């Protein structure tokens, strides 16, 4: 079934018409997959990311409000997923490098130091005065939600999530500057 305009297609998707969503999927999946593959250089990762984007789109269909053409929205989503993947990859590499340097055989002193450091970190987190700011930080760094997921769950804008995370990190840096 063909829809005359993108607007009409999006409206049908908002109403829950699966055939409209399938039409959108079939139309943009190949292009998104190509772009994702060019970024990730891994076919399975590219397919997973594109599927995730479409799944998220379907889950948020009722509240979806786009000011830009859907094609640009979907391609931007691929780019943002890649950026997030890169950020997480950098953190993982740093952690692996840390493990290589210090090894997996921690002595009792290391275990006690880690416990003390963990207590200091939890104490610093509790010093974040704004409850919403603390919750956003915990969701991001402890529960491992990404910015988009936190914004959706808390029904706030992604920029608010980024701002609150930044504020929380400033507090933590200040509280932990003598520890780390």
C-alpha atoms as a PDB file:
ATOM      1  CA  UNK A   1       0.000   0.000   0.000  1.00  0.00           C
ATOM      2  CA  UNK A   2       1.433   3.362  -1.018  1.00  0.00           C
ATOM      3  CA  UNK A   3       0.805   6.555   0.949  1.00  0.00           C
ATOM      4  CA  UNK A   4       0.766   9.864  -0.904  1.00  0.00           C
ATOM      5  CA  UNK A   5       2.832  11.814   1.614  1.00  0.00           C
ATOM      6  CA  UNK A   6       5.280  11.193   4.378  1.00  0.00           C
ATOM      7  CA  UNK A   7       2.963  13.104   6.743  1.00  0.00           C
ATOM      8  CA  UNK A   8       0.112  10.731   6.016  1.00  0.00           C
ATOM      9  CA  UNK A   9       2.410   7.746   6.472  1.00  0.00           C
ATOM     10  CA  UNK A  10       3.549   9.055   9.864  1.00  0.00           C
ATOM     11  CA  UNK A  11      -0.029   9.727  10.925  1.00  0.00           C
ATOM     12  CA  UNK A  12      -0.996   6.164  10.042  1.00  0.00           C
ATOM     13  CA  UNK A  13       1.978   4.870  12.028  1.00  0.00           C
ATOM     14  CA  UNK A  14       0.923   7.021  15.004  1.00  0.00           C
ATOM     15  CA  UNK A  15      -2.511   5.415  14.786  1.00  0.00           C
ATOM     16  CA  UNK A  16      -0.851   2.000  15.040  1.00  0.00           C
ATOM     17  CA  UNK A  17      -1.238   0.819  11.441  1.00  0.00           C
ATOM     18  CA  UNK A  18       1.405  -1.844  11.067  1.00  0.00           C
ATOM     19  CA  UNK A  19       1.203  -1.844   7.268  1.00  0.00           C
ATOM     20  CA  UNK A  20       2.257   1.819   7.243  1.00  0.00           C
ATOM     21  CA  UNK A  21       5.190   0.987   9.503  1.00  0.00           C
ATOM     22  CA  UNK A  22       6.183  -1.945   7.276  1.00  0.00           C
ATOM     23  CA  UNK A  23       6.095   0.396   4.292  1.00  0.00           C
ATOM     24  CA  UNK A  24       8.410   2.837   6.093  1.00  0.00           C
ATOM     25  CA  UNK A  25      10.671  -0.024   7.158  1.00  0.00           C
ATOM     26  CA  UNK A  26      10.934  -1.488   3.665  1.00  0.00           C
ATOM     27  CA  UNK A  27      11.576   1.930   2.188  1.00  0.00           C
ATOM     28  CA  UNK A  28      14.384   3.050   4.547  1.00  0.00           C
ATOM     29  CA  UNK A  29      15.933  -0.148   5.921  1.00  0.00           C
ATOM     30  CA  UNK A  30      18.382  -0.711   3.016  1.00  0.00           C
ATOM     31  CA  UNK A  31      19.712   2.862   3.127  1.00  0.00           C
ATOM     32  CA  UNK A  32      20.018   2.843   6.912  1.00  0.00           C
ATOM     33  CA  UNK A  33      21.775  -0.513   6.841  1.00  0.00           C
ATOM     34  CA  UNK A  34      24.255   0.757   4.260  1.00  0.00           C
ATOM     35  CA  UNK A  35      25.023   3.882   6.317  1.00  0.00           C
ATOM     36  CA  UNK A  36      25.294   1.860   9.542  1.00  0.00           C
ATOM     37  CA  UNK A  37      27.612  -0.688   7.919  1.00  0.00           C
ATOM     38  CA  UNK A  38      29.862   2.093   6.595  1.00  0.00           C
ATOM     39  CA  UNK A  39      30.173   3.393  10.156  1.00  0.00           C
ATOM     40  CA  UNK A  40      30.423   0.164  12.165  1.00  0.00           C
ATOM     41  CA  UNK A  41      32.184  -2.002   9.558  1.00  0.00           C
ATOM     42  CA  UNK A  42      30.350  -4.947  11.088  1.00  0.00           C
ATOM     43  CA  UNK A  43      27.254  -6.330   9.369  1.00  0.00           C
ATOM     44  CA  UNK A  44      25.674  -7.810  12.509  1.00  0.00           C
ATOM     45  CA  UNK A  45      26.241  -4.628  14.532  1.00  0.00           C
ATOM     46  CA  UNK A  46      24.805  -2.518  11.709  1.00  0.00           C
ATOM     47  CA  UNK A  47      21.710  -4.736  11.461  1.00  0.00           C
ATOM     48  CA  UNK A  48      21.219  -4.648  15.236  1.00  0.00           C
ATOM     49  CA  UNK A  49      21.440  -0.859  15.357  1.00  0.00           C
ATOM     50  CA  UNK A  50      18.970  -0.375  12.499  1.00  0.00           C
ATOM     51  CA  UNK A  51      16.548  -2.854  14.088  1.00  0.00           C
ATOM     52  CA  UNK A  52      16.896  -1.035  17.407  1.00  0.00           C
ATOM     53  CA  UNK A  53      16.073   2.292  15.769  1.00  0.00           C
ATOM     54  CA  UNK A  54      12.953   0.913  14.119  1.00  0.00           C
ATOM     55  CA  UNK A  55      11.893  -0.819  17.316  1.00  0.00           C
ATOM     56  CA  UNK A  56      12.285   2.430  19.241  1.00  0.00           C
ATOM     57  CA  UNK A  57      10.349   4.301  16.565  1.00  0.00           C
ATOM     58  CA  UNK A  58       7.451   1.829  16.791  1.00  0.00           C
ATOM     59  CA  UNK A  59       7.433   1.951  20.592  1.00  0.00           C
ATOM     60  CA  UNK A  60       7.288   5.755  20.579  1.00  0.00           C
ATOM     61  CA  UNK A  61       4.903   6.025  17.632  1.00  0.00           C
ATOM     62  CA  UNK A  62       2.043   7.602  19.603  1.00  0.00           C
ATOM     63  CA  UNK A  63       4.180  10.493  20.848  1.00  0.00           C
ATOM     64  CA  UNK A  64       6.250  10.890  17.703  1.00  0.00           C
ATOM     65  CA  UNK A  65       6.464  14.453  16.493  1.00  0.00           C
ATOM     66  CA  UNK A  66       8.870  15.145  13.658  1.00  0.00           C
ATOM     67  CA  UNK A  67       9.754  18.560  12.295  1.00  0.00           C
ATOM     68  CA  UNK A  68      12.174  17.147   9.725  1.00  0.00           C
ATOM     69  CA  UNK A  69      11.631  14.580   6.978  1.00  0.00           C
ATOM     70  CA  UNK A  70      11.596  11.012   8.282  1.00  0.00           C
ATOM     71  CA  UNK A  71      14.568  10.068   6.103  1.00  0.00           C
ATOM     72  CA  UNK A  72      16.801  12.617   7.847  1.00  0.00           C
ATOM     73  CA  UNK A  73      15.423  11.638  11.231  1.00  0.00           C
ATOM     74  CA  UNK A  74      16.291   7.970  10.639  1.00  0.00           C
ATOM     75  CA  UNK A  75      19.752   8.702   9.253  1.00  0.00           C
ATOM     76  CA  UNK A  76      20.446  11.010  12.205  1.00  0.00           C
ATOM     77  CA  UNK A  77      19.388   8.174  14.521  1.00  0.00           C
ATOM     78  CA  UNK A  78      22.001   5.915  12.902  1.00  0.00           C
ATOM     79  CA  UNK A  79      24.648   8.586  13.418  1.00  0.00           C
ATOM     80  CA  UNK A  80      23.671   9.100  17.081  1.00  0.00           C
ATOM     81  CA  UNK A  81      23.713   5.357  17.751  1.00  0.00           C
ATOM     82  CA  UNK A  82      27.196   5.203  16.255  1.00  0.00           C
ATOM     83  CA  UNK A  83      28.371   8.104  18.426  1.00  0.00           C
ATOM     84  CA  UNK A  84      27.032   6.356  21.513  1.00  0.00           C
ATOM     85  CA  UNK A  85      28.701   3.106  20.455  1.00  0.00           C
ATOM     86  CA  UNK A  86      32.024   4.938  20.103  1.00  0.00           C
ATOM     87  CA  UNK A  87      31.717   6.521  23.553  1.00  0.00           C
ATOM     88  CA  UNK A  88      31.000   3.151  25.161  1.00  0.00           C
ATOM     89  CA  UNK A  89      33.813   1.550  23.163  1.00  0.00           C
ATOM     90  CA  UNK A  90      36.324   4.104  24.470  1.00  0.00           C
ATOM     91  CA  UNK A  91      35.269   3.441  28.070  1.00  0.00           C
ATOM     92  CA  UNK A  92      35.533  -0.319  27.507  1.00  0.00           C
ATOM     93  CA  UNK A  93      39.006   0.024  26.022  1.00  0.00           C
ATOM     94  CA  UNK A  94      40.155   2.115  28.987  1.00  0.00           C
ATOM     95  CA  UNK A  95      38.825  -0.518  31.372  1.00  0.00           C
ATOM     96  CA  UNK A  96      40.559  -3.337  29.477  1.00  0.00           C
ATOM     97  CA  UNK A  97      43.792  -1.362  29.512  1.00  0.00           C
ATOM     98  CA  UNK A  98      43.376  -0.887  33.259  1.00  0.00           C
ATOM     99  CA  UNK A  99      42.918  -4.648  33.704  1.00  0.00           C
ATOM    100  CA  UNK A 100      46.036  -5.328  31.643  1.00  0.00           C
ATOM    101  CA  UNK A 101      48.089  -2.941  33.733  1.00  0.00           C
ATOM    102  CA  UNK A 102      46.875  -4.121  37.115  1.00  0.00           C
ATOM    103  CA  UNK A 103      45.963  -7.682  36.198  1.00  0.00           C
ATOM    104  CA  UNK A 104      43.032  -9.667  37.447  1.00  0.00           C
ATOM    105  CA  UNK A 105      44.782 -10.888  40.599  1.00  0.00           C
ATOM    106  CA  UNK A 106      43.970  -8.178  43.091  1.00  0.00           C
ATOM    107  CA  UNK A 107      45.545  -8.484  46.486  1.00  0.00           C
ATOM    108  CA  UNK A 108      43.567  -7.968  49.688  1.00  0.00           C
ATOM    109  CA  UNK A 109      44.893  -4.410  49.843  1.00  0.00           C
ATOM    110  CA  UNK A 110      43.491  -3.708  46.386  1.00  0.00           C
ATOM    111  CA  UNK A 111      40.121  -5.128  47.391  1.00  0.00           C
ATOM    112  CA  UNK A 112      40.005  -2.918  50.490  1.00  0.00           C
ATOM    113  CA  UNK A 113      41.099   0.125  48.498  1.00  0.00           C
ATOM    114  CA  UNK A 114      38.400  -0.565  45.905  1.00  0.00           C
ATOM    115  CA  UNK A 115      35.780  -0.924  48.640  1.00  0.00           C
ATOM    116  CA  UNK A 116      36.898   2.354  50.211  1.00  0.00           C
ATOM    117  CA  UNK A 117      36.852   4.067  46.822  1.00  0.00           C
ATOM    118  CA  UNK A 118      33.374   2.668  46.103  1.00  0.00           C
ATOM    119  CA  UNK A 119      32.182   4.053  49.461  1.00  0.00           C
ATOM    120  CA  UNK A 120      33.703   7.448  48.648  1.00  0.00           C
ATOM    121  CA  UNK A 121      31.973   7.447  45.263  1.00  0.00           C
ATOM    122  CA  UNK A 122      28.593   6.498  46.750  1.00  0.00           C
ATOM    123  CA  UNK A 123      29.033   9.204  49.380  1.00  0.00           C
ATOM    124  CA  UNK A 124      29.825  11.759  46.664  1.00  0.00           C
ATOM    125  CA  UNK A 125      26.780  10.649  44.663  1.00  0.00           C
ATOM    126  CA  UNK A 126      24.573  11.162  47.702  1.00  0.00           C
ATOM    127  CA  UNK A 127      25.983  14.712  47.945  1.00  0.00           C
ATOM    128  CA  UNK A 128      24.345  15.630  44.648  1.00  0.00           C
ATOM    129  CA  UNK A 129      21.703  17.928  46.075  1.00  0.00           C
ATOM    130  CA  UNK A 130      19.047  17.826  43.349  1.00  0.00           C
ATOM    131  CA  UNK A 131      17.178  14.491  43.470  1.00  0.00           C
ATOM    132  CA  UNK A 132      16.424  14.540  39.728  1.00  0.00           C
ATOM    133  CA  UNK A 133      20.072  15.238  38.929  1.00  0.00           C
ATOM    134  CA  UNK A 134      21.181  12.353  41.183  1.00  0.00           C
ATOM    135  CA  UNK A 135      18.580  10.011  39.637  1.00  0.00           C
ATOM    136  CA  UNK A 136      19.697  10.886  36.086  1.00  0.00           C
ATOM    137  CA  UNK A 137      23.338  10.305  37.020  1.00  0.00           C
ATOM    138  CA  UNK A 138      22.560   6.939  38.630  1.00  0.00           C
ATOM    139  CA  UNK A 139      20.472   5.847  35.628  1.00  0.00           C
ATOM    140  CA  UNK A 140      23.295   6.808  33.288  1.00  0.00           C
ATOM    141  CA  UNK A 141      26.372   5.546  35.102  1.00  0.00           C
ATOM    142  CA  UNK A 142      25.090   2.852  37.436  1.00  0.00           C
ATOM    143  CA  UNK A 143      22.090   1.418  35.601  1.00  0.00           C
ATOM    144  CA  UNK A 144      23.740   1.996  32.176  1.00  0.00           C
ATOM    145  CA  UNK A 145      20.787   3.703  30.451  1.00  0.00           C
ATOM    146  CA  UNK A 146      21.658   5.923  27.526  1.00  0.00           C
ATOM    147  CA  UNK A 147      20.600   9.547  27.245  1.00  0.00           C
ATOM    148  CA  UNK A 148      17.650   8.810  24.982  1.00  0.00           C
ATOM    149  CA  UNK A 149      16.306   6.081  27.278  1.00  0.00           C
ATOM    150  CA  UNK A 150      16.586   8.300  30.360  1.00  0.00           C
ATOM    151  CA  UNK A 151      14.791  11.136  28.586  1.00  0.00           C
ATOM    152  CA  UNK A 152      12.012   8.798  27.536  1.00  0.00           C
ATOM    153  CA  UNK A 153      11.626   7.180  30.962  1.00  0.00           C
ATOM    154  CA  UNK A 154      11.657  10.491  32.832  1.00  0.00           C
ATOM    155  CA  UNK A 155       9.606  12.277  30.168  1.00  0.00           C
ATOM    156  CA  UNK A 156      12.162  15.057  29.740  1.00  0.00           C
ATOM    157  CA  UNK A 157      14.276  16.312  26.869  1.00  0.00           C
ATOM    158  CA  UNK A 158      17.623  14.714  26.077  1.00  0.00           C
ATOM    159  CA  UNK A 159      19.374  18.064  26.545  1.00  0.00           C
ATOM    160  CA  UNK A 160      18.077  18.194  30.123  1.00  0.00           C
ATOM    161  CA  UNK A 161      19.562  14.736  30.703  1.00  0.00           C
ATOM    162  CA  UNK A 162      22.922  15.869  29.321  1.00  0.00           C
ATOM    163  CA  UNK A 163      22.871  19.062  31.429  1.00  0.00           C
ATOM    164  CA  UNK A 164      21.978  17.213  34.629  1.00  0.00           C
ATOM    165  CA  UNK A 165      24.637  14.565  33.988  1.00  0.00           C
ATOM    166  CA  UNK A 166      27.214  17.301  33.474  1.00  0.00           C
ATOM    167  CA  UNK A 167      26.192  18.990  36.744  1.00  0.00           C
ATOM    168  CA  UNK A 168      26.429  15.698  38.615  1.00  0.00           C
ATOM    169  CA  UNK A 169      29.889  15.011  37.188  1.00  0.00           C
ATOM    170  CA  UNK A 170      31.074  18.459  38.321  1.00  0.00           C
ATOM    171  CA  UNK A 171      29.915  17.703  41.862  1.00  0.00           C
ATOM    172  CA  UNK A 172      31.615  14.298  41.795  1.00  0.00           C
ATOM    173  CA  UNK A 173      34.870  15.695  40.425  1.00  0.00           C
ATOM    174  CA  UNK A 174      34.886  18.306  43.152  1.00  0.00           C
ATOM    175  CA  UNK A 175      34.111  15.780  45.926  1.00  0.00           C
ATOM    176  CA  UNK A 176      36.539  13.134  44.662  1.00  0.00           C
ATOM    177  CA  UNK A 177      39.462  15.321  43.539  1.00  0.00           C
ATOM    178  CA  UNK A 178      41.542  14.280  46.567  1.00  0.00           C
ATOM    179  CA  UNK A 179      40.609  10.615  46.261  1.00  0.00           C
ATOM    180  CA  UNK A 180      41.289   9.935  42.611  1.00  0.00           C
END
